[in-house]
C-alpha atoms as a PDB file:
ATOM      1  CA  MET A   1      -7.633 -35.245  -9.975  1.00  0.00           C
ATOM      2  CA  ILE A   2      -7.688 -31.627  -9.445  1.00  0.00           C
ATOM      3  CA  GLU A   3     -10.202 -29.206 -11.098  1.00  0.00           C
ATOM      4  CA  ILE A   4      -9.577 -25.583 -11.686  1.00  0.00           C
ATOM      5  CA  LYS A   5     -12.889 -23.815 -11.823  1.00  0.00           C
ATOM      6  CA  ASP A   6     -14.274 -20.230 -12.660  1.00  0.00           C
ATOM      7  CA  LYS A   7     -16.742 -18.326 -10.695  1.00  0.00           C
ATOM      8  CA  ASN A   8     -19.681 -19.764 -12.626  1.00  0.00           C
ATOM      9  CA  GLY A   9     -18.330 -23.460 -12.036  1.00  0.00           C
ATOM     10  CA  VAL A  10     -17.160 -23.784 -15.491  1.00  0.00           C
ATOM     11  CA  VAL A  11     -14.000 -26.081 -15.532  1.00  0.00           C
ATOM     12  CA  LEU A  12     -11.056 -24.526 -16.820  1.00  0.00           C
ATOM     13  CA  TYR A  13      -8.522 -27.348 -16.258  1.00  0.00           C
ATOM     14  CA  ARG A  14      -8.327 -30.848 -15.124  1.00  0.00           C
ATOM     15  CA  HIS A  15      -5.008 -32.060 -13.336  1.00  0.00           C
ATOM     16  CA  GLU A  16      -5.145 -35.628 -13.486  1.00  0.00           C
ATOM     17  CA  ARG A  17      -1.124 -36.425 -13.678  1.00  0.00           C
ATOM     18  CA  GLY A  18       1.575 -35.901 -11.551  1.00  0.00           C
ATOM     19  CA  GLU A  19       1.616 -34.138  -8.098  1.00  0.00           C
ATOM     20  CA  GLN A  20      -1.921 -33.542  -6.917  1.00  0.00           C
ATOM     21  CA  THR A  21      -1.592 -30.221  -5.477  1.00  0.00           C
ATOM     22  CA  TYR A  22      -2.901 -26.725  -6.513  1.00  0.00           C
ATOM     23  CA  ALA A  23       0.374 -25.419  -7.128  1.00  0.00           C
ATOM     24  CA  ALA A  24       1.001 -28.396  -9.383  1.00  0.00           C
ATOM     25  CA  ALA A  25      -2.160 -27.920 -11.169  1.00  0.00           C
ATOM     26  CA  VAL A  26      -1.819 -24.143 -11.647  1.00  0.00           C
ATOM     27  CA  GLU A  27       1.490 -24.555 -13.118  1.00  0.00           C
ATOM     28  CA  ALA A  28       0.475 -27.287 -15.308  1.00  0.00           C
ATOM     29  CA  ALA A  29      -2.553 -25.008 -16.725  1.00  0.00           C
ATOM     30  CA  ILE A  30      -0.115 -22.350 -17.113  1.00  0.00           C
ATOM     31  CA  ASP A  31       2.270 -24.572 -19.102  1.00  0.00           C
ATOM     32  CA  ALA A  32      -0.709 -25.662 -20.971  1.00  0.00           C
ATOM     33  CA  ARG A  33      -1.619 -22.062 -21.846  1.00  0.00           C
ATOM     34  CA  VAL A  34      -4.951 -22.331 -20.373  1.00  0.00           C
ATOM     35  CA  SER A  35      -6.577 -19.013 -19.400  1.00  0.00           C
ATOM     36  CA  LEU A  36      -6.954 -18.735 -15.461  1.00  0.00           C
ATOM     37  CA  VAL A  37      -9.038 -15.498 -15.776  1.00  0.00           C
ATOM     38  CA  GLY A  38     -11.744 -15.487 -13.104  1.00  0.00           C
ATOM     39  CA  ALA A  39     -10.267 -18.710 -11.675  1.00  0.00           C
ATOM     40  CA  VAL A  40     -11.343 -19.534  -8.302  1.00  0.00           C
ATOM     41  CA  LEU A  41      -8.391 -20.714  -5.945  1.00  0.00           C
ATOM     42  CA  ASP A  42      -9.553 -19.892  -2.647  1.00  0.00           C
ATOM     43  CA  GLY A  43      -7.449 -21.273   0.218  1.00  0.00           C
ATOM     44  CA  ALA A  44      -4.964 -22.880  -2.292  1.00  0.00           C
ATOM     45  CA  ASP A  45      -1.415 -23.184  -1.190  1.00  0.00           C
ATOM     46  CA  LEU A  46       0.567 -21.631  -3.895  1.00  0.00           C
ATOM     47  CA  SER A  47       3.549 -20.833  -1.797  1.00  0.00           C
ATOM     48  CA  ARG A  48       6.790 -20.553  -3.541  1.00  0.00           C
ATOM     49  CA  THR A  49       4.959 -21.003  -6.989  1.00  0.00           C
ATOM     50  CA  ASP A  50       6.542 -19.606 -10.143  1.00  0.00           C
ATOM     51  CA  LEU A  51       3.591 -17.399 -11.439  1.00  0.00           C
ATOM     52  CA  GLU A  52       5.603 -14.991 -13.418  1.00  0.00           C
ATOM     53  CA  GLU A  53       3.354 -13.030 -16.004  1.00  0.00           C
ATOM     54  CA  VAL A  54       0.422 -14.951 -15.124  1.00  0.00           C
ATOM     55  CA  ASN A  55      -2.966 -13.622 -15.894  1.00  0.00           C
ATOM     56  CA  LEU A  56      -5.324 -13.893 -13.085  1.00  0.00           C
ATOM     57  CA  VAL A  57      -7.662 -11.014 -13.653  1.00  0.00           C
ATOM     58  CA  GLY A  58     -10.980 -11.060 -11.602  1.00  0.00           C
ATOM     59  CA  ALA A  59      -9.547 -14.352  -9.923  1.00  0.00           C
ATOM     60  CA  SER A  60     -10.523 -15.162  -6.481  1.00  0.00           C
ATOM     61  CA  LEU A  61      -7.722 -16.231  -4.143  1.00  0.00           C
ATOM     62  CA  ARG A  62      -9.529 -15.616  -0.782  1.00  0.00           C
ATOM     63  CA  ARG A  63      -7.279 -16.861   2.020  1.00  0.00           C
ATOM     64  CA  ALA A  64      -4.674 -18.426  -0.383  1.00  0.00           C
ATOM     65  CA  ASN A  65      -1.122 -18.994   0.549  1.00  0.00           C
ATOM     66  CA  LEU A  66       1.196 -17.026  -1.987  1.00  0.00           C
ATOM     67  CA  SER A  67       4.086 -16.868   0.525  1.00  0.00           C
ATOM     68  CA  ARG A  68       7.339 -16.118  -1.366  1.00  0.00           C
ATOM     69  CA  ALA A  69       5.597 -16.817  -4.571  1.00  0.00           C
ATOM     70  CA  ASN A  70       7.066 -15.135  -7.578  1.00  0.00           C
ATOM     71  CA  LEU A  71       4.348 -12.975  -9.116  1.00  0.00           C
ATOM     72  CA  GLU A  72       6.493 -10.568 -11.068  1.00  0.00           C
ATOM     73  CA  GLU A  73       4.346  -8.703 -13.879  1.00  0.00           C
ATOM     74  CA  ALA A  74       1.435 -10.957 -12.968  1.00  0.00           C
ATOM     75  CA  ASN A  75      -1.834  -9.620 -13.839  1.00  0.00           C
ATOM     76  CA  LEU A  76      -4.137  -9.948 -10.652  1.00  0.00           C
ATOM     77  CA  ALA A  77      -6.520  -6.680 -11.711  1.00  0.00           C
ATOM     78  CA  GLY A  78      -9.868  -6.759  -9.819  1.00  0.00           C
ATOM     79  CA  ALA A  79      -8.671 -10.102  -7.995  1.00  0.00           C
ATOM     80  CA  ASP A  80     -10.103 -10.935  -4.738  1.00  0.00           C
ATOM     81  CA  LEU A  81      -7.119 -11.649  -2.333  1.00  0.00           C
ATOM     82  CA  ARG A  82      -8.925 -10.803   1.006  1.00  0.00           C
ATOM     83  CA  GLU A  83      -6.932 -11.993   3.782  1.00  0.00           C
ATOM     84  CA  ALA A  84      -4.508 -13.970   1.630  1.00  0.00           C
ATOM     85  CA  MET A  85      -1.091 -14.653   2.873  1.00  0.00           C
ATOM     86  CA  LEU A  86       1.805 -13.117   0.475  1.00  0.00           C
ATOM     87  CA  ARG A  87       4.854 -12.944   3.010  1.00  0.00           C
ATOM     88  CA  GLY A  88       7.908 -12.312   1.164  1.00  0.00           C
ATOM     89  CA  ALA A  89       6.259 -12.760  -2.150  1.00  0.00           C
ATOM     90  CA  ASN A  90       7.753 -10.895  -5.383  1.00  0.00           C
ATOM     91  CA  LEU A  91       5.187  -8.621  -6.897  1.00  0.00           C
ATOM     92  CA  GLU A  92       7.486  -6.371  -8.932  1.00  0.00           C
ATOM     93  CA  GLU A  93       5.591  -4.726 -11.616  1.00  0.00           C
ATOM     94  CA  ALA A  94       2.476  -6.643 -10.921  1.00  0.00           C
ATOM     95  CA  ASN A  95      -1.048  -5.235 -11.974  1.00  0.00           C
ATOM     96  CA  LEU A  96      -3.179  -5.346  -8.552  1.00  0.00           C
ATOM     97  CA  SER A  97      -5.481  -2.351  -9.920  1.00  0.00           C
ATOM     98  CA  ALA A  98      -8.963  -2.528  -8.305  1.00  0.00           C
ATOM     99  CA  ALA A  99      -7.731  -5.712  -6.530  1.00  0.00           C
ATOM    100  CA  ASP A 100      -9.460  -6.441  -2.933  1.00  0.00           C
ATOM    101  CA  LEU A 101      -6.452  -7.186  -0.514  1.00  0.00           C
ATOM    102  CA  GLU A 102      -8.547  -6.420   2.721  1.00  0.00           C
ATOM    103  CA  GLY A 103      -6.728  -8.112   5.689  1.00  0.00           C
ATOM    104  CA  ALA A 104      -3.913  -9.477   3.629  1.00  0.00           C
ATOM    105  CA  LEU A 105      -0.510 -10.357   4.938  1.00  0.00           C
ATOM    106  CA  LEU A 106       1.596  -8.598   2.801  1.00  0.00           C
ATOM    107  CA  GLU A 107       4.892  -8.313   5.112  1.00  0.00           C
ATOM    108  CA  SER A 108       8.437  -7.976   3.381  1.00  0.00           C
ATOM    109  CA  VAL A 109       6.881  -8.288  -0.232  1.00  0.00           C
ATOM    110  CA  ASN A 110       8.474  -6.600  -3.027  1.00  0.00           C
ATOM    111  CA  LEU A 111       5.936  -4.446  -4.785  1.00  0.00           C
ATOM    112  CA  GLU A 112       8.348  -2.111  -6.566  1.00  0.00           C
ATOM    113  CA  GLU A 113       6.476  -0.270  -9.528  1.00  0.00           C
ATOM    114  CA  ALA A 114       3.455  -2.451  -9.107  1.00  0.00           C
ATOM    115  CA  ASN A 115       0.043  -1.104  -9.957  1.00  0.00           C
ATOM    116  CA  LEU A 116      -2.310  -0.699  -6.878  1.00  0.00           C
ATOM    117  CA  GLU A 117      -4.242   1.819  -8.258  1.00  0.00           C
ATOM    118  CA  ARG A 118      -7.794   1.870  -6.574  1.00  0.00           C
ATOM    119  CA  ALA A 119      -6.829  -1.143  -4.562  1.00  0.00           C
ATOM    120  CA  LYS A 120      -8.506  -2.089  -1.505  1.00  0.00           C
ATOM    121  CA  LEU A 121      -5.962  -2.597   1.480  1.00  0.00           C
ATOM    122  CA  PRO A 122      -7.961  -1.902   4.758  1.00  0.00           C
ATOM    123  CA  TYR A 123      -6.363  -3.746   7.805  1.00  0.00           C
ATOM    124  CA  ALA A 124      -3.536  -5.147   5.339  1.00  0.00           C
ATOM    125  CA  GLN A 125      -0.320  -5.919   6.935  1.00  0.00           C
ATOM    126  CA  LEU A 126       2.615  -4.474   4.847  1.00  0.00           C
ATOM    127  CA  ARG A 127       5.474  -3.948   7.317  1.00  0.00           C
ATOM    128  CA  GLY A 128       8.803  -3.956   6.005  1.00  0.00           C
ATOM    129  CA  SER A 129       7.462  -4.290   2.282  1.00  0.00           C
ATOM    130  CA  ASN A 130       8.985  -2.263  -0.736  1.00  0.00           C
ATOM    131  CA  LEU A 131       6.905  -0.314  -2.554  1.00  0.00           C
ATOM    132  CA  GLU A 132       9.236   2.051  -4.060  1.00  0.00           C
ATOM    133  CA  GLU A 133       7.548   3.620  -7.342  1.00  0.00           C
ATOM    134  CA  ALA A 134       4.397   1.778  -6.747  1.00  0.00           C
ATOM    135  CA  ASN A 135       1.224   3.431  -7.799  1.00  0.00           C
ATOM    136  CA  LEU A 136      -1.476   3.680  -4.948  1.00  0.00           C
ATOM    137  CA  SER A 137      -3.451   6.379  -6.123  1.00  0.00           C
ATOM    138  CA  GLY A 138      -7.170   6.177  -5.176  1.00  0.00           C
ATOM    139  CA  ALA A 139      -6.201   3.263  -2.918  1.00  0.00           C
ATOM    140  CA  VAL A 140      -7.959   2.538   0.368  1.00  0.00           C
ATOM    141  CA  LEU A 141      -5.111   1.725   3.250  1.00  0.00           C
ATOM    142  CA  SER A 142      -7.463   2.742   6.332  1.00  0.00           C
ATOM    143  CA  ASP A 143      -6.025   0.986   9.221  1.00  0.00           C
ATOM    144  CA  ALA A 144      -3.060  -0.739   7.250  1.00  0.00           C
ATOM    145  CA  ASN A 145       0.388  -1.185   8.853  1.00  0.00           C
ATOM    146  CA  LEU A 146       2.981   0.103   6.688  1.00  0.00           C
ATOM    147  CA  GLU A 147       5.733   0.445   9.314  1.00  0.00           C
ATOM    148  CA  GLY A 148       9.214   0.761   7.971  1.00  0.00           C
ATOM    149  CA  CYS A 149       7.985   0.404   4.456  1.00  0.00           C
ATOM    150  CA  ASN A 150       9.911   2.012   1.433  1.00  0.00           C
ATOM    151  CA  LEU A 151       7.376   4.268  -0.435  1.00  0.00           C
ATOM    152  CA  GLU A 152      10.038   6.410  -1.889  1.00  0.00           C
ATOM    153  CA  ASN A 153       8.433   8.083  -5.126  1.00  0.00           C
ATOM    154  CA  ALA A 154       5.540   6.089  -4.656  1.00  0.00           C
ATOM    155  CA  ARG A 155       1.983   7.614  -5.925  1.00  0.00           C
ATOM    156  CA  LEU A 156      -0.737   7.945  -3.333  1.00  0.00           C
ATOM    157  CA  ILE A 157      -2.496  10.868  -5.190  1.00  0.00           C
ATOM    158  CA  GLY A 158      -6.088  10.850  -3.235  1.00  0.00           C
ATOM    159  CA  ALA A 159      -5.216   7.629  -1.379  1.00  0.00           C
ATOM    160  CA  THR A 160      -7.012   6.837   1.945  1.00  0.00           C
ATOM    161  CA  LEU A 161      -5.011   6.001   4.726  1.00  0.00           C
ATOM    162  CA  ASP A 162      -6.948   7.065   7.674  1.00  0.00           C
ATOM    163  CA  ASN A 163      -5.371   5.254  10.940  1.00  0.00           C
ATOM    164  CA  ALA A 164      -2.800   3.849   9.055  1.00  0.00           C
ATOM    165  CA  VAL A 165       0.729   2.967  10.700  1.00  0.00           C
ATOM    166  CA  LEU A 166       3.659   4.490   8.566  1.00  0.00           C
ATOM    167  CA  CYS A 167       6.097   4.925  11.610  1.00  0.00           C
ATOM    168  CA  ARG A 168       9.719   5.081  10.247  1.00  0.00           C
ATOM    169  CA  SER A 169       8.567   4.691   6.757  1.00  0.00           C
ATOM    170  CA  ASN A 170      10.442   6.208   4.004  1.00  0.00           C
ATOM    171  CA  LEU A 171       8.102   8.445   1.757  1.00  0.00           C
ATOM    172  CA  GLU A 172      10.589  10.803   0.190  1.00  0.00           C
ATOM    173  CA  LYS A 173       9.410  12.300  -2.999  1.00  0.00           C
ATOM    174  CA  ALA A 174       6.045  10.309  -2.461  1.00  0.00           C
ATOM    175  CA  GLN A 175       3.034  12.135  -4.140  1.00  0.00           C
ATOM    176  CA  LEU A 176       0.373  12.218  -1.801  1.00  0.00           C
ATOM    177  CA  ALA A 177      -1.638  15.374  -3.029  1.00  0.00           C
ATOM    178  CA  ARG A 178      -5.175  15.132  -1.534  1.00  0.00           C
ATOM    179  CA  ALA A 179      -4.594  12.136   0.472  1.00  0.00           C
ATOM    180  CA  ARG A 180      -6.380  11.431   3.476  1.00  0.00           C
ATOM    181  CA  LEU A 181      -3.971  10.750   6.586  1.00  0.00           C
ATOM    182  CA  ARG A 182      -6.446  11.595   9.273  1.00  0.00           C
ATOM    183  CA  ARG A 183      -4.918  10.145  12.672  1.00  0.00           C
ATOM    184  CA  ALA A 184      -2.203   8.221  10.811  1.00  0.00           C
ATOM    185  CA  ASP A 185       0.848   7.553  12.712  1.00  0.00           C
ATOM    186  CA  LEU A 186       3.879   8.937  10.710  1.00  0.00           C
ATOM    187  CA  SER A 187       6.485   8.839  13.741  1.00  0.00           C
ATOM    188  CA  GLY A 188      10.020   9.157  12.755  1.00  0.00           C
ATOM    189  CA  ALA A 189       8.897   8.768   9.133  1.00  0.00           C
ATOM    190  CA  ASN A 190      10.982  10.380   6.107  1.00  0.00           C
ATOM    191  CA  LEU A 191       8.763  12.730   4.085  1.00  0.00           C
ATOM    192  CA  GLU A 192      11.532  14.882   2.499  1.00  0.00           C
ATOM    193  CA  LYS A 193      10.468  16.610  -0.657  1.00  0.00           C
ATOM    194  CA  ALA A 194       7.054  14.655  -0.637  1.00  0.00           C
ATOM    195  CA  ASP A 195       4.173  16.247  -2.402  1.00  0.00           C
ATOM    196  CA  LEU A 196       1.229  16.810   0.260  1.00  0.00           C
ATOM    197  CA  GLU A 197      -0.593  19.451  -1.333  1.00  0.00           C
ATOM    198  CA  GLY A 198      -4.219  19.558  -0.042  1.00  0.00           C
ATOM    199  CA  ALA A 199      -3.491  16.610   2.233  1.00  0.00           C
ATOM    200  CA  ASP A 200      -5.643  15.910   5.262  1.00  0.00           C
ATOM    201  CA  LEU A 201      -3.261  15.195   8.431  1.00  0.00           C
ATOM    202  CA  THR A 202      -5.763  16.284  10.832  1.00  0.00           C
ATOM    203  CA  GLY A 203      -4.955  14.385  14.245  1.00  0.00           C
ATOM    204  CA  ALA A 204      -1.884  12.778  12.685  1.00  0.00           C
ATOM    205  CA  LYS A 205       1.347  11.820  14.526  1.00  0.00           C
ATOM    206  CA  LEU A 206       4.442  13.015  13.034  1.00  0.00           C
ATOM    207  CA  GLN A 207       6.689  13.036  16.048  1.00  0.00           C
ATOM    208  CA  GLY A 208      10.318  13.048  15.072  1.00  0.00           C
ATOM    209  CA  ALA A 209       9.578  13.054  11.401  1.00  0.00           C
ATOM    210  CA  ASN A 210      11.776  14.367   8.856  1.00  0.00           C
ATOM    211  CA  VAL A 211       9.260  16.778   6.568  1.00  0.00           C
ATOM    212  CA  GLU A 212      12.072  19.009   4.939  1.00  0.00           C
ATOM    213  CA  LYS A 213      11.489  20.590   1.803  1.00  0.00           C
ATOM    214  CA  ALA A 214       8.008  19.029   1.555  1.00  0.00           C
ATOM    215  CA  ASN A 215       5.055  20.507  -0.207  1.00  0.00           C
ATOM    216  CA  LEU A 216       2.184  21.002   2.585  1.00  0.00           C
ATOM    217  CA  ARG A 217       0.131  24.011   0.479  1.00  0.00           C
ATOM    218  CA  GLY A 218      -3.216  23.992   1.854  1.00  0.00           C
ATOM    219  CA  ALA A 219      -2.888  20.753   3.924  1.00  0.00           C
ATOM    220  CA  SER A 220      -4.737  20.169   7.125  1.00  0.00           C
ATOM    221  CA  LEU A 221      -2.357  19.497  10.208  1.00  0.00           C
ATOM    222  CA  ALA A 222      -4.866  20.470  12.380  1.00  0.00           C
ATOM    223  CA  SER A 223      -4.413  18.856  16.094  1.00  0.00           C
ATOM    224  CA  ALA A 224      -1.344  16.800  14.719  1.00  0.00           C
ATOM    225  CA  ASN A 225       1.416  16.158  16.856  1.00  0.00           C
ATOM    226  CA  LEU A 226       4.489  17.669  15.103  1.00  0.00           C
ATOM    227  CA  ASP A 227       6.788  17.539  18.127  1.00  0.00           C
ATOM    228  CA  GLU A 228      10.664  17.233  17.269  1.00  0.00           C
ATOM    229  CA  SER A 229       9.975  17.057  13.709  1.00  0.00           C
ATOM    230  CA  SER A 230      11.612  19.028  11.091  1.00  0.00           C
ATOM    231  CA  PHE A 231       9.953  21.160   8.476  1.00  0.00           C
ATOM    232  CA  GLU A 232      12.790  22.873   7.374  1.00  0.00           C
ATOM    233  CA  ARG A 233      12.181  24.537   3.956  1.00  0.00           C
ATOM    234  CA  ALA A 234       8.677  23.091   3.746  1.00  0.00           C
ATOM    235  CA  ASP A 235       6.006  25.108   2.046  1.00  0.00           C
ATOM    236  CA  LEU A 236       3.128  25.370   4.286  1.00  0.00           C
ATOM    237  CA  ARG A 237       1.288  28.202   2.467  1.00  0.00           C
ATOM    238  CA  ASP A 238      -2.481  28.163   3.217  1.00  0.00           C
ATOM    239  CA  ALA A 239      -1.882  24.851   5.598  1.00  0.00           C
ATOM    240  CA  ASN A 240      -4.148  24.721   8.680  1.00  0.00           C
ATOM    241  CA  LEU A 241      -1.918  24.027  11.779  1.00  0.00           C
ATOM    242  CA  GLU A 242      -4.608  24.990  14.378  1.00  0.00           C
ATOM    243  CA  GLY A 243      -4.247  23.141  17.801  1.00  0.00           C
ATOM    244  CA  ALA A 244      -1.151  21.257  16.387  1.00  0.00           C
ATOM    245  CA  SER A 245       1.695  20.729  18.975  1.00  0.00           C
ATOM    246  CA  ARG A 246       4.755  21.784  17.667  1.00  0.00           C
ATOM    247  CA  GLU A 247       7.495  21.118  20.871  1.00  0.00           C
ATOM    248  CA  ARG A 248      10.997  21.383  19.767  1.00  0.00           C
ATOM    249  CA  ALA A 249       9.944  21.169  16.139  1.00  0.00           C
ATOM    250  CA  SER A 250      11.994  22.967  13.456  1.00  0.00           C
ATOM    251  CA  PHE A 251      10.456  25.263  11.081  1.00  0.00           C
ATOM    252  CA  HIS A 252      13.810  26.962   9.725  1.00  0.00           C
ATOM    253  CA  ARG A 253      13.347  28.783   6.516  1.00  0.00           C
ATOM    254  CA  ALA A 254       9.649  27.252   6.080  1.00  0.00           C
ATOM    255  CA  VAL A 255       7.500  29.339   3.824  1.00  0.00           C
ATOM    256  CA  GLY A 256       4.131  30.573   5.074  1.00  0.00           C
ATOM    257  CA  LEU A 257       4.244  29.032   8.543  1.00  0.00           C
ATOM    258  CA  PRO A 258       1.113  30.225  10.240  1.00  0.00           C
ATOM    259  CA  PRO A 259       1.336  31.609  13.764  1.00  0.00           C
ATOM    260  CA  ALA A 260       0.885  29.018  16.680  1.00  0.00           C
ATOM    261  CA  ARG A 261      -2.455  28.669  18.156  1.00  0.00           C
ATOM    262  CA  MET A 262      -3.234  26.919  21.387  1.00  0.00           C
ATOM    263  CA  PRO A 263      -5.848  24.103  21.502  1.00  0.00           C
ATOM    264  CA  SER A 264      -9.051  25.634  22.728  1.00  0.00           C
ATOM    265  CA  ALA A 265     -10.102  24.589  26.069  1.00  0.00           C
END
């Protein structure tokens, strides 16, 4: 028998018949219309489980295996997913607002149009994931790996991405106003038409990046590496490029380009 309990130890569902696995227990609970709000499923193997539209608000799924699970339109608001494994999972239009995903494995995950507002994702591994039109406003992604991710039209307003790896990611038309990207690696990234107004890119690596037609008004690019990047037609009014490296960078028809300054000795 498998018991699914909440955080107070109250039994939400007893699975007595059929396959004795957490995946079978959860699916049976869903079929029985049992509420799994606040359920404790730490370490559970839910890989390849169909959890479409399931309500797991405030649930604890620490170190759970959700690889290739279907969580489309699932509600995981405020859930604890620290160090959870979600490789290849489908989280399209899922609600992960204020969820804790610190150190979670999210490689090759579909998060298109997902709500990750104010979510915690420090040290999360998101390489190759699809976050097109996802909402990451106010999210914490410090030291996260987003290499090769698709973030086209994503909302990252006020997000924290210090030391994050975003090399070769697609951030076309992404909204990054007031975001923190200090020392972030954006080498070879596509930031065409992105909104970076007031963003902090101090010490960031943008070598070979496409930043054409981007809005960088009031942004800080101090001590950033802009070598071989393209800022053609970008808006750089009131931007700070003090100490930034610009070797072979293109600023053709950029607006408000401040004069180059050598780093202080």
